[in-house]
Amino acid sequence: MLKSHMDAIENHLVSISQIPANSGHSLHKGTPREAFIKEYLEGHISSNVAIGTGEIIDANSQPREQRNQFDVVLYKKNYPKLDFGGGISGFLIESVIATIEIKSLLDQAAIDQSVSAAHNVKQLTKHIHQSLTTGWVPPKILNFVLAYTGPAQMSTVHGWIMNSHRNQGIALPTWTQQTKLSTPGTALDGVFVLNKGFVKLDNTPLTLNQNQQNGIYTLADCLNGNILMLFLSLQSACDNLQGAWLDPVPYVANAQFPNVRTL
């Protein structure tokens, strides 16, 4: 039932993506397609998270410094966010579970940009107090790409990812079977192309590597099942109980408060 439903969603997304295809500006193609994905996520993802668009900061982030904007940000609703206006927000890294960049066309340039953005945000530092955890908690923010069109073979996408890591000097993650669930990726965690297939890191409980073969990526060329895998990847990151709360002290460490005294 779940796969049939998600396959119908996947086919529907591909179909309605043709509606803005005749527009004359790339923004007029991309923005509606982003809205289609947000609508799908809002109707299906866990109710303990919210969905937004914007940039991500930590306690060391500075005003007006260059930051990446993410099309979709999944964040915990019990944390604050900064409202920049126009539907764009700033999210504290402590609140963010995952990001999704939505591409109308996936190519090497799109992968290069997404790998760089994912690597940048993975360098941010969380400051939280934690009392307990139950279930799998991703060791770092998860970064995904969802593309409407792309190459016929996912081996091509895998090759683009390898090129990006090599050209940008970003090391690939390494792990053993015992450590992989606690080892974060160093850039993208997964790339999903509608009606084509997916490439994802094999360091989560959602694994298709039943024989524990050596390797860090799972590749699949498949007409359907791609939205299902993205949905389950997001849901598995939300399916945990974490007793954690924001440590506010680092956020005021560089703030100036004149005439402070304790009486």
Protein backbone atom coordinates (compact mmCIF):
# COMPACT_ATOMS: atom_id res chain seq x y z
CA MET A 1 0.00 0.00 0.00
CA LEU A 2 2.73 2.49 1.00
CA LYS A 3 4.79 1.84 -2.13
CA SER A 4 1.75 2.03 -4.40
CA HIS A 5 0.75 5.34 -2.85
CA MET A 6 4.25 6.81 -3.11
CA ASP A 7 4.62 5.58 -6.70
CA ALA A 8 1.38 7.35 -7.58
CA ILE A 9 2.74 10.52 -5.93
CA GLU A 10 5.98 10.19 -7.91
CA ASN A 11 4.15 9.83 -11.21
CA HIS A 12 1.89 12.74 -10.29
CA LEU A 13 4.86 14.99 -9.52
CA VAL A 14 6.40 14.20 -12.89
CA SER A 15 3.09 14.88 -14.62
CA ILE A 16 2.33 18.23 -12.98
CA SER A 17 5.91 19.39 -13.46
CA GLN A 18 4.96 19.87 -17.12
CA ILE A 19 2.55 22.68 -16.17
CA PRO A 20 5.26 25.36 -15.72
CA ALA A 21 7.50 23.88 -18.43
CA ASN A 22 6.28 26.35 -21.08
CA SER A 23 7.24 29.43 -19.07
CA GLY A 24 10.02 31.59 -20.47
CA HIS A 25 12.09 32.09 -17.32
CA SER A 26 13.91 29.39 -15.34
CA LEU A 27 12.60 30.84 -12.05
CA HIS A 28 9.04 30.39 -13.28
CA LYS A 29 9.78 26.73 -13.87
CA GLY A 30 11.64 26.06 -10.64
CA THR A 31 9.44 27.87 -8.14
CA PRO A 32 6.21 25.95 -8.92
CA ARG A 33 8.13 22.68 -8.85
CA GLU A 34 9.48 23.52 -5.41
CA ALA A 35 5.91 24.26 -4.30
CA PHE A 36 4.76 20.85 -5.57
CA ILE A 37 7.40 19.11 -3.42
CA LYS A 38 6.60 21.17 -0.33
CA GLU A 39 2.91 20.36 -0.72
CA TYR A 40 3.71 16.65 -0.97
CA LEU A 41 5.94 16.75 2.12
CA GLU A 42 3.47 18.74 4.20
CA GLY A 43 0.82 16.13 3.47
CA HIS A 44 2.97 13.16 4.39
CA ILE A 45 5.88 13.89 6.72
CA SER A 46 5.74 13.49 10.51
CA SER A 47 3.74 16.13 12.37
CA ASN A 48 6.56 16.75 14.86
CA VAL A 49 8.57 18.65 12.24
CA ALA A 50 7.86 21.68 10.08
CA ILE A 51 8.94 22.65 6.58
CA GLY A 52 10.49 25.96 5.55
CA THR A 53 12.85 27.65 3.12
CA GLY A 54 15.98 29.61 3.91
CA GLU A 55 19.46 29.52 5.38
CA ILE A 56 20.98 27.80 8.39
CA ILE A 57 23.11 29.41 11.08
CA ASP A 58 25.02 28.43 14.18
CA ALA A 59 26.39 30.42 17.12
CA ASN A 60 29.42 31.54 15.07
CA SER A 61 27.48 32.82 12.03
CA GLN A 62 27.97 36.49 11.25
CA PRO A 63 25.57 39.07 9.75
CA ARG A 64 25.73 39.44 5.97
CA GLU A 65 28.24 36.63 5.48
CA GLN A 66 27.70 34.36 2.48
CA ARG A 67 25.38 31.43 3.23
CA ASN A 68 23.58 28.83 1.14
CA GLN A 69 19.81 28.93 0.77
CA PHE A 70 17.97 25.61 0.85
CA ASP A 71 14.69 25.02 -0.97
CA VAL A 72 13.31 22.76 1.75
CA VAL A 73 14.38 22.70 5.39
CA LEU A 74 12.89 20.16 7.80
CA TYR A 75 13.20 21.49 11.33
CA LYS A 76 11.91 20.80 14.83
CA LYS A 77 8.93 22.98 15.64
CA ASN A 78 9.92 23.51 19.27
CA TYR A 79 12.96 25.59 18.26
CA PRO A 80 12.91 29.26 17.20
CA LYS A 81 13.58 30.55 13.70
CA LEU A 82 14.39 33.96 12.22
CA ASP A 83 11.76 35.45 9.90
CA PHE A 84 13.50 37.35 7.07
CA GLY A 85 10.21 38.04 5.25
CA GLY A 86 8.83 36.73 1.99
CA GLY A 87 8.66 33.17 3.28
CA ILE A 88 12.45 33.01 3.85
CA SER A 89 13.73 32.08 7.30
CA GLY A 90 16.93 31.56 9.20
CA PHE A 91 17.08 28.25 11.06
CA LEU A 92 19.28 27.38 14.02
CA ILE A 93 21.42 24.36 13.18
CA GLU A 94 20.23 22.76 16.42
CA SER A 95 16.70 22.55 14.99
CA VAL A 96 17.42 21.27 11.50
CA ILE A 97 16.97 17.60 10.63
CA ALA A 98 17.38 17.64 6.86
CA THR A 99 17.49 19.81 3.75
CA ILE A 100 16.33 19.14 0.19
CA GLU A 101 17.48 21.00 -2.89
CA ILE A 102 15.05 20.71 -5.79
CA LYS A 103 16.44 20.65 -9.32
CA SER A 104 14.47 20.81 -12.55
CA LEU A 105 17.45 19.31 -14.37
CA LEU A 106 20.26 17.40 -12.72
CA ASP A 107 23.72 17.78 -14.23
CA GLN A 108 27.33 18.09 -13.08
CA ALA A 109 26.94 21.80 -12.29
CA ALA A 110 23.87 21.13 -10.13
CA ILE A 111 25.70 18.39 -8.25
CA ASP A 112 28.74 20.65 -7.74
CA GLN A 113 26.57 23.36 -6.19
CA SER A 114 24.68 20.91 -3.98
CA VAL A 115 27.81 19.11 -2.77
CA SER A 116 29.36 22.46 -1.82
CA ALA A 117 26.22 23.64 0.00
CA ALA A 118 25.85 20.33 1.87
CA HIS A 119 29.50 20.33 2.91
CA ASN A 120 29.26 23.93 4.12
CA VAL A 121 26.24 23.33 6.33
CA LYS A 122 27.76 20.16 7.77
CA GLN A 123 30.57 22.33 9.17
CA LEU A 124 28.15 24.20 11.44
CA THR A 125 28.31 23.36 15.14
CA LYS A 126 25.33 22.35 17.25
CA HIS A 127 25.13 23.50 20.86
CA ILE A 128 22.60 21.45 22.77
CA HIS A 129 22.06 19.89 26.16
CA GLN A 130 21.00 16.27 25.94
CA SER A 131 19.54 13.93 28.53
CA LEU A 132 18.44 10.87 26.53
CA THR A 133 17.88 9.47 23.07
CA THR A 134 15.80 6.59 21.82
CA GLY A 135 16.03 5.44 18.22
CA TRP A 136 18.46 6.52 15.51
CA VAL A 137 19.47 10.17 15.58
CA PRO A 138 21.45 11.31 12.50
CA PRO A 139 24.96 12.32 13.62
CA LYS A 140 24.71 15.45 11.43
CA ILE A 141 22.13 17.22 9.31
CA LEU A 142 21.04 15.19 6.28
CA ASN A 143 21.30 16.80 2.83
CA PHE A 144 19.34 15.53 -0.16
CA VAL A 145 18.73 16.49 -3.78
CA LEU A 146 15.45 15.76 -5.55
CA ALA A 147 15.50 16.21 -9.33
CA TYR A 148 12.65 16.14 -11.82
CA THR A 149 14.86 15.07 -14.73
CA GLY A 150 18.37 13.72 -15.03
CA PRO A 151 20.54 11.07 -16.68
CA ALA A 152 19.20 7.63 -17.51
CA GLN A 153 21.72 5.84 -15.28
CA MET A 154 22.44 6.55 -11.64
CA SER A 155 26.05 5.53 -12.22
CA THR A 156 26.34 8.86 -14.04
CA VAL A 157 25.07 10.71 -10.96
CA HIS A 158 27.48 8.74 -8.78
CA GLY A 159 30.31 9.77 -11.10
CA TRP A 160 29.28 13.43 -10.81
CA ILE A 161 29.32 13.15 -7.01
CA MET A 162 32.81 11.62 -7.10
CA ASN A 163 33.99 14.42 -9.40
CA SER A 164 32.63 17.06 -7.04
CA HIS A 165 34.31 15.55 -4.01
CA ARG A 166 37.61 15.28 -5.84
CA ASN A 167 37.52 18.75 -7.42
CA GLN A 168 36.43 20.47 -4.21
CA GLY A 169 38.83 18.54 -1.99
CA ILE A 170 36.04 17.05 0.14
CA ALA A 171 36.95 13.69 1.64
CA LEU A 172 34.47 10.83 1.35
CA PRO A 173 33.16 9.35 4.61
CA THR A 174 34.62 6.09 5.82
CA TRP A 175 33.15 3.60 8.25
CA THR A 176 32.95 -0.03 9.31
CA GLN A 177 29.78 -2.08 9.71
CA GLN A 178 29.99 -1.32 13.44
CA THR A 179 30.42 2.47 13.09
CA LYS A 180 28.44 3.42 9.99
CA LEU A 181 25.23 4.44 11.80
CA SER A 182 27.20 6.97 13.86
CA THR A 183 29.37 8.24 10.99
CA PRO A 184 27.98 11.27 9.14
CA GLY A 185 28.33 11.99 5.46
CA THR A 186 30.67 14.79 4.44
CA ALA A 187 28.37 16.37 1.82
CA LEU A 188 25.27 14.94 0.10
CA ASP A 189 23.47 12.04 1.76
CA GLY A 190 21.30 11.17 -1.22
CA VAL A 191 20.24 12.17 -4.73
CA PHE A 192 16.81 11.12 -6.04
CA VAL A 193 15.68 11.52 -9.65
CA LEU A 194 11.98 11.03 -10.31
CA ASN A 195 11.21 8.03 -12.51
CA LYS A 196 14.96 7.35 -12.89
CA GLY A 197 16.54 6.16 -9.64
CA PHE A 198 18.61 7.22 -6.65
CA VAL A 199 22.07 7.30 -5.10
CA LYS A 200 22.29 7.38 -1.31
CA LEU A 201 24.84 6.87 1.40
CA ASP A 202 24.54 3.50 3.15
CA ASN A 203 25.02 4.78 6.70
CA THR A 204 21.43 4.76 7.99
CA PRO A 205 19.07 2.07 9.31
CA LEU A 206 17.33 2.25 5.92
CA THR A 207 19.70 -0.02 4.01
CA LEU A 208 19.32 -2.22 0.96
CA ASN A 209 22.77 -3.71 1.54
CA GLN A 210 21.53 -6.93 3.08
CA ASN A 211 24.77 -8.80 2.36
CA GLN A 212 26.93 -6.12 4.03
CA GLN A 213 28.97 -5.58 0.87
CA ASN A 214 31.82 -3.11 1.02
CA GLY A 215 30.99 0.34 -0.31
CA ILE A 216 29.51 3.61 0.86
CA TYR A 217 26.81 4.29 -1.74
CA THR A 218 23.67 2.41 -2.76
CA LEU A 219 22.66 2.95 -6.41
CA ALA A 220 19.35 1.98 -7.98
CA ASP A 221 17.96 2.50 -11.47
CA CYS A 222 14.20 2.31 -11.04
CA LEU A 223 11.13 3.84 -12.62
CA ASN A 224 9.36 4.08 -9.26
CA GLY A 225 10.21 3.76 -5.59
CA ASN A 226 12.33 6.93 -5.53
CA ILE A 227 9.87 9.14 -3.64
CA LEU A 228 9.29 6.19 -1.31
CA MET A 229 13.02 6.01 -0.50
CA LEU A 230 13.23 9.77 0.05
CA PHE A 231 10.13 9.68 2.28
CA LEU A 232 11.49 6.78 4.36
CA SER A 233 14.92 8.45 4.60
CA LEU A 234 13.29 11.58 6.03
CA GLN A 235 10.93 9.66 8.28
CA SER A 236 13.70 7.49 9.74
CA ALA A 237 15.52 10.68 10.71
CA CYS A 238 12.38 11.91 12.51
CA ASP A 239 11.47 8.60 14.18
CA ASN A 240 13.34 9.09 17.42
CA LEU A 241 12.80 10.42 20.91
CA GLN A 242 15.48 12.92 21.82
CA GLY A 243 15.64 14.71 25.12
CA ALA A 244 17.64 17.69 23.88
CA TRP A 245 17.35 21.44 24.18
CA LEU A 246 19.21 24.50 22.97
CA ASP A 247 22.28 25.72 24.85
CA PRO A 248 21.83 29.50 24.47
CA VAL A 249 25.17 30.54 25.98
CA PRO A 250 27.25 30.29 22.75
CA TYR A 251 24.72 32.52 20.98
CA VAL A 252 25.42 35.39 23.38
CA ALA A 253 29.17 34.80 23.71
CA ASN A 254 30.00 37.51 21.14
CA ALA A 255 27.14 39.85 22.02
CA GLN A 256 27.95 43.10 23.77
CA PHE A 257 25.84 43.98 26.82
CA PRO A 258 27.03 47.24 28.42
CA ASN A 259 26.77 47.89 32.15
CA VAL A 260 26.16 44.27 33.09
CA ARG A 261 26.28 43.60 36.80
CA THR A 262 25.00 41.10 39.31
CA LEU A 263 23.61 42.39 42.59
